[in-house]
């Protein structure tokens, strides 16, 4: 079984399985944060993950999701939809 060694802020070095860790990737997928709950003290923790850590976690089968810090708002969708209705050449909107 694959184990992941990391550090708990309270307990020190700990070993986790890929199911114990979740990875949040920034758009582009090279960096992000990983989260886990320490099996000893049960504190939830978050750590930064550089590109090397991301590669290792993905290779071990850790579940991931891409987090978009700037999601599209409802207002932006409404403005775009209105522009599509009034624009004779909708492809022109994509160029700007």
N, C-alpha and C. Protein backbone atom coordinates (compact mmCIF):
# COMPACT_ATOMS: atom_id res chain seq x y z
N UNK A 1 0.84 -1.18 0.00
CA UNK A 1 0.00 0.00 0.00
C UNK A 1 0.89 1.24 0.00
N UNK A 2 0.50 2.23 -0.79
CA UNK A 2 1.24 3.48 -0.87
C UNK A 2 0.98 4.33 0.37
N UNK A 3 2.04 4.90 0.92
CA UNK A 3 1.88 5.83 2.04
C UNK A 3 2.52 7.15 1.67
N UNK A 4 1.97 8.21 2.23
CA UNK A 4 2.44 9.56 2.00
C UNK A 4 2.93 10.10 3.34
N UNK A 5 4.17 10.52 3.38
CA UNK A 5 4.72 11.08 4.60
C UNK A 5 4.57 12.59 4.57
N UNK A 6 4.00 13.14 5.63
CA UNK A 6 3.87 14.58 5.76
C UNK A 6 4.04 14.93 7.24
N UNK A 7 3.81 16.17 7.57
CA UNK A 7 4.02 16.61 8.94
C UNK A 7 2.76 17.25 9.49
N UNK A 8 2.36 16.82 10.66
CA UNK A 8 1.26 17.43 11.41
C UNK A 8 1.86 18.53 12.27
N UNK A 9 1.20 19.66 12.34
CA UNK A 9 1.72 20.78 13.13
C UNK A 9 1.78 20.45 14.62
N UNK A 10 1.01 19.49 15.05
CA UNK A 10 1.01 19.11 16.47
C UNK A 10 1.79 17.82 16.73
N UNK A 11 1.66 16.84 15.84
CA UNK A 11 2.22 15.50 16.10
C UNK A 11 3.57 15.24 15.44
N UNK A 12 3.97 16.07 14.50
CA UNK A 12 5.21 15.81 13.77
C UNK A 12 4.96 14.93 12.56
N UNK A 13 5.93 14.08 12.23
CA UNK A 13 5.83 13.22 11.05
C UNK A 13 4.70 12.21 11.19
N UNK A 14 3.90 12.11 10.12
CA UNK A 14 2.81 11.14 10.07
C UNK A 14 2.80 10.48 8.70
N UNK A 15 2.12 9.36 8.59
CA UNK A 15 1.96 8.65 7.32
C UNK A 15 0.47 8.54 7.00
N UNK A 16 0.14 8.86 5.75
CA UNK A 16 -1.25 8.85 5.28
C UNK A 16 -1.35 7.97 4.05
N UNK A 17 -2.57 7.57 3.71
CA UNK A 17 -2.83 6.89 2.45
C UNK A 17 -3.34 7.92 1.45
N UNK A 18 -3.34 7.62 0.17
CA UNK A 18 -3.90 8.56 -0.81
C UNK A 18 -5.35 8.95 -0.51
N UNK A 19 -6.12 8.04 0.09
CA UNK A 19 -7.51 8.37 0.43
C UNK A 19 -7.63 9.37 1.58
N UNK A 20 -6.55 9.54 2.34
CA UNK A 20 -6.56 10.47 3.47
C UNK A 20 -6.25 11.90 3.06
N UNK A 21 -5.85 12.10 1.81
CA UNK A 21 -5.37 13.39 1.33
C UNK A 21 -6.25 13.87 0.17
N UNK A 22 -6.53 15.16 0.13
CA UNK A 22 -7.19 15.73 -1.05
C UNK A 22 -6.34 16.89 -1.55
N UNK A 23 -6.35 17.10 -2.84
CA UNK A 23 -5.50 18.08 -3.49
C UNK A 23 -6.38 19.10 -4.21
N UNK A 24 -6.12 20.37 -3.94
CA UNK A 24 -6.80 21.46 -4.64
C UNK A 24 -5.78 22.11 -5.56
N UNK A 25 -6.01 22.01 -6.86
CA UNK A 25 -5.09 22.58 -7.84
C UNK A 25 -5.58 23.93 -8.31
N UNK A 26 -4.64 24.82 -8.53
CA UNK A 26 -4.97 26.11 -9.14
C UNK A 26 -5.10 25.89 -10.64
N UNK A 27 -5.82 26.78 -11.35
CA UNK A 27 -5.90 26.62 -12.80
C UNK A 27 -4.48 26.50 -13.39
N UNK A 28 -4.29 25.58 -14.27
CA UNK A 28 -2.98 25.28 -14.81
C UNK A 28 -2.44 23.98 -14.25
N UNK A 29 -2.88 23.61 -13.05
CA UNK A 29 -2.59 22.31 -12.47
C UNK A 29 -1.19 22.06 -11.97
N UNK A 30 -0.36 23.08 -11.83
CA UNK A 30 1.02 22.84 -11.40
C UNK A 30 1.22 23.04 -9.90
N UNK A 31 0.41 23.86 -9.28
CA UNK A 31 0.54 24.14 -7.85
C UNK A 31 -0.83 24.17 -7.21
N UNK A 32 -0.85 24.12 -5.90
CA UNK A 32 -2.11 24.18 -5.18
C UNK A 32 -1.88 23.97 -3.70
N UNK A 33 -2.82 23.30 -3.06
CA UNK A 33 -2.75 22.99 -1.63
C UNK A 33 -3.25 21.57 -1.44
N UNK A 34 -2.70 20.89 -0.44
CA UNK A 34 -3.26 19.59 -0.08
C UNK A 34 -3.79 19.65 1.33
N UNK A 35 -4.84 18.87 1.58
CA UNK A 35 -5.51 18.87 2.87
C UNK A 35 -5.55 17.45 3.42
N UNK A 36 -5.54 17.39 4.74
CA UNK A 36 -5.65 16.09 5.41
C UNK A 36 -6.07 16.30 6.85
N UNK A 37 -6.55 15.23 7.45
CA UNK A 37 -6.86 15.22 8.87
C UNK A 37 -5.86 14.29 9.53
N UNK A 38 -5.15 14.79 10.53
CA UNK A 38 -4.13 13.98 11.21
C UNK A 38 -4.82 12.78 11.86
N UNK A 39 -4.32 11.57 11.60
CA UNK A 39 -4.93 10.38 12.20
C UNK A 39 -4.73 10.30 13.72
N UNK A 40 -3.76 11.04 14.25
CA UNK A 40 -3.50 10.99 15.70
C UNK A 40 -4.32 12.01 16.47
N UNK A 41 -4.20 13.29 16.08
CA UNK A 41 -4.88 14.36 16.84
C UNK A 41 -6.17 14.84 16.18
N UNK A 42 -6.47 14.39 14.98
CA UNK A 42 -7.68 14.68 14.19
C UNK A 42 -7.83 16.16 13.79
N UNK A 43 -6.74 16.93 13.83
CA UNK A 43 -6.79 18.32 13.37
C UNK A 43 -6.75 18.34 11.84
N UNK A 44 -7.65 19.12 11.23
CA UNK A 44 -7.64 19.31 9.77
C UNK A 44 -6.55 20.31 9.43
N UNK A 45 -5.78 19.98 8.40
CA UNK A 45 -4.66 20.83 8.04
C UNK A 45 -4.59 21.04 6.54
N UNK A 46 -3.97 22.13 6.16
CA UNK A 46 -3.78 22.50 4.74
C UNK A 46 -2.32 22.89 4.57
N UNK A 47 -1.72 22.39 3.50
CA UNK A 47 -0.32 22.69 3.21
C UNK A 47 -0.19 23.10 1.75
N UNK A 48 0.75 24.02 1.45
CA UNK A 48 0.99 24.36 0.04
C UNK A 48 1.63 23.19 -0.69
N UNK A 49 1.32 23.09 -1.97
CA UNK A 49 1.87 22.02 -2.81
C UNK A 49 2.51 22.65 -4.05
N UNK A 50 3.84 22.62 -4.09
CA UNK A 50 4.53 23.11 -5.28
C UNK A 50 4.42 22.05 -6.38
N UNK A 51 5.02 22.31 -7.52
CA UNK A 51 4.85 21.40 -8.66
C UNK A 51 5.39 19.99 -8.35
N UNK A 52 6.46 19.89 -7.59
CA UNK A 52 7.01 18.58 -7.24
C UNK A 52 6.05 17.81 -6.35
N UNK A 53 5.50 18.47 -5.34
CA UNK A 53 4.54 17.82 -4.43
C UNK A 53 3.29 17.41 -5.19
N UNK A 54 2.80 18.28 -6.07
CA UNK A 54 1.63 17.94 -6.88
C UNK A 54 1.89 16.69 -7.70
N UNK A 55 3.05 16.61 -8.34
CA UNK A 55 3.40 15.43 -9.15
C UNK A 55 3.39 14.15 -8.32
N UNK A 56 3.99 14.22 -7.14
CA UNK A 56 4.04 13.04 -6.27
C UNK A 56 2.65 12.63 -5.82
N UNK A 57 1.84 13.60 -5.39
CA UNK A 57 0.49 13.28 -4.91
C UNK A 57 -0.37 12.69 -6.03
N UNK A 58 -0.28 13.27 -7.21
CA UNK A 58 -1.06 12.73 -8.33
C UNK A 58 -0.59 11.33 -8.70
N UNK A 59 0.71 11.09 -8.65
CA UNK A 59 1.25 9.77 -8.99
C UNK A 59 0.81 8.70 -8.00
N UNK A 60 0.53 9.09 -6.76
CA UNK A 60 0.10 8.12 -5.75
C UNK A 60 -1.41 7.90 -5.77
N UNK A 61 -2.13 8.67 -6.59
CA UNK A 61 -3.57 8.47 -6.72
C UNK A 61 -4.43 9.34 -5.83
N UNK A 62 -3.87 10.44 -5.33
CA UNK A 62 -4.65 11.37 -4.50
C UNK A 62 -5.74 12.02 -5.35
N UNK A 63 -6.95 12.10 -4.78
CA UNK A 63 -8.07 12.77 -5.45
C UNK A 63 -7.77 14.27 -5.55
N UNK A 64 -8.13 14.87 -6.68
CA UNK A 64 -7.88 16.30 -6.85
C UNK A 64 -9.08 16.99 -7.47
N UNK A 65 -9.10 18.30 -7.28
CA UNK A 65 -10.06 19.14 -7.99
C UNK A 65 -9.38 20.46 -8.32
N UNK A 66 -9.77 21.06 -9.43
CA UNK A 66 -9.21 22.34 -9.83
C UNK A 66 -10.10 23.43 -9.27
N UNK A 67 -9.48 24.33 -8.53
CA UNK A 67 -10.20 25.42 -7.89
C UNK A 67 -10.00 26.68 -8.71
N UNK A 68 -11.08 27.34 -9.07
CA UNK A 68 -11.01 28.59 -9.80
C UNK A 68 -11.27 29.73 -8.83
N UNK A 69 -10.24 30.52 -8.52
CA UNK A 69 -10.42 31.59 -7.55
C UNK A 69 -11.29 32.74 -8.06
N UNK A 70 -11.47 32.83 -9.36
CA UNK A 70 -12.27 33.91 -9.95
C UNK A 70 -13.36 33.33 -10.84
N UNK A 71 -14.38 32.69 -10.25
CA UNK A 71 -15.43 32.10 -11.09
C UNK A 71 -16.24 33.19 -11.81
N UNK A 72 -16.86 32.79 -12.89
CA UNK A 72 -17.72 33.70 -13.65
C UNK A 72 -18.95 34.00 -12.82
N UNK A 73 -19.33 35.27 -12.77
CA UNK A 73 -20.49 35.67 -11.97
C UNK A 73 -21.76 35.60 -12.80
N UNK A 74 -22.90 35.59 -12.12
CA UNK A 74 -24.19 35.61 -12.81
C UNK A 74 -24.32 36.87 -13.66
N UNK A 75 -23.83 37.97 -13.16
CA UNK A 75 -23.90 39.23 -13.89
C UNK A 75 -23.09 39.15 -15.19
N UNK A 76 -21.92 38.56 -15.15
CA UNK A 76 -21.10 38.41 -16.36
C UNK A 76 -21.80 37.53 -17.39
N UNK A 77 -22.49 36.52 -16.94
CA UNK A 77 -23.25 35.64 -17.84
C UNK A 77 -24.38 36.42 -18.49
N UNK A 78 -25.09 37.21 -17.69
CA UNK A 78 -26.20 38.03 -18.23
C UNK A 78 -25.71 39.02 -19.28
N UNK A 79 -24.60 39.68 -19.00
CA UNK A 79 -24.03 40.65 -19.95
C UNK A 79 -23.62 39.95 -21.24
N UNK A 80 -22.99 38.79 -21.12
CA UNK A 80 -22.57 38.04 -22.30
C UNK A 80 -23.77 37.57 -23.12
N UNK A 81 -24.80 37.07 -22.43
CA UNK A 81 -26.00 36.61 -23.13
C UNK A 81 -26.67 37.76 -23.87
N UNK A 82 -26.74 38.92 -23.25
CA UNK A 82 -27.34 40.09 -23.90
C UNK A 82 -26.51 40.50 -25.12
N UNK A 83 -25.19 40.43 -24.99
CA UNK A 83 -24.33 40.78 -26.11
C UNK A 83 -24.51 39.80 -27.27
N UNK A 84 -24.70 38.51 -26.95
CA UNK A 84 -24.93 37.53 -28.00
C UNK A 84 -26.21 37.83 -28.78
N UNK A 85 -27.23 38.26 -28.06
CA UNK A 85 -28.52 38.55 -28.72
C UNK A 85 -28.44 39.78 -29.60
N UNK A 86 -27.63 40.76 -29.24
CA UNK A 86 -27.59 42.00 -30.00
C UNK A 86 -26.45 42.05 -31.02
N UNK A 87 -25.52 41.13 -30.96
CA UNK A 87 -24.35 41.14 -31.85
C UNK A 87 -24.64 40.38 -33.14
N UNK A 88 -24.51 41.03 -34.31
CA UNK A 88 -24.74 40.33 -35.57
C UNK A 88 -23.69 39.24 -35.85
N UNK A 89 -22.48 39.43 -35.35
CA UNK A 89 -21.42 38.45 -35.54
C UNK A 89 -20.90 38.00 -34.18
N UNK A 90 -21.55 36.97 -33.55
CA UNK A 90 -21.18 36.56 -32.18
C UNK A 90 -19.73 36.12 -32.02
N UNK A 91 -19.11 35.62 -33.09
CA UNK A 91 -17.70 35.21 -32.98
C UNK A 91 -16.78 36.39 -32.69
N UNK A 92 -17.20 37.58 -33.07
CA UNK A 92 -16.42 38.78 -32.80
C UNK A 92 -16.26 39.02 -31.31
N UNK A 93 -17.26 38.58 -30.50
CA UNK A 93 -17.20 38.75 -29.04
C UNK A 93 -16.04 37.95 -28.44
N UNK A 94 -15.73 36.82 -29.04
CA UNK A 94 -14.66 35.99 -28.51
C UNK A 94 -13.29 36.57 -28.77
N UNK A 95 -13.17 37.42 -29.76
CA UNK A 95 -11.88 38.02 -30.11
C UNK A 95 -11.50 39.11 -29.11
N UNK A 96 -12.44 39.68 -28.41
CA UNK A 96 -12.14 40.81 -27.53
C UNK A 96 -12.01 40.39 -26.16
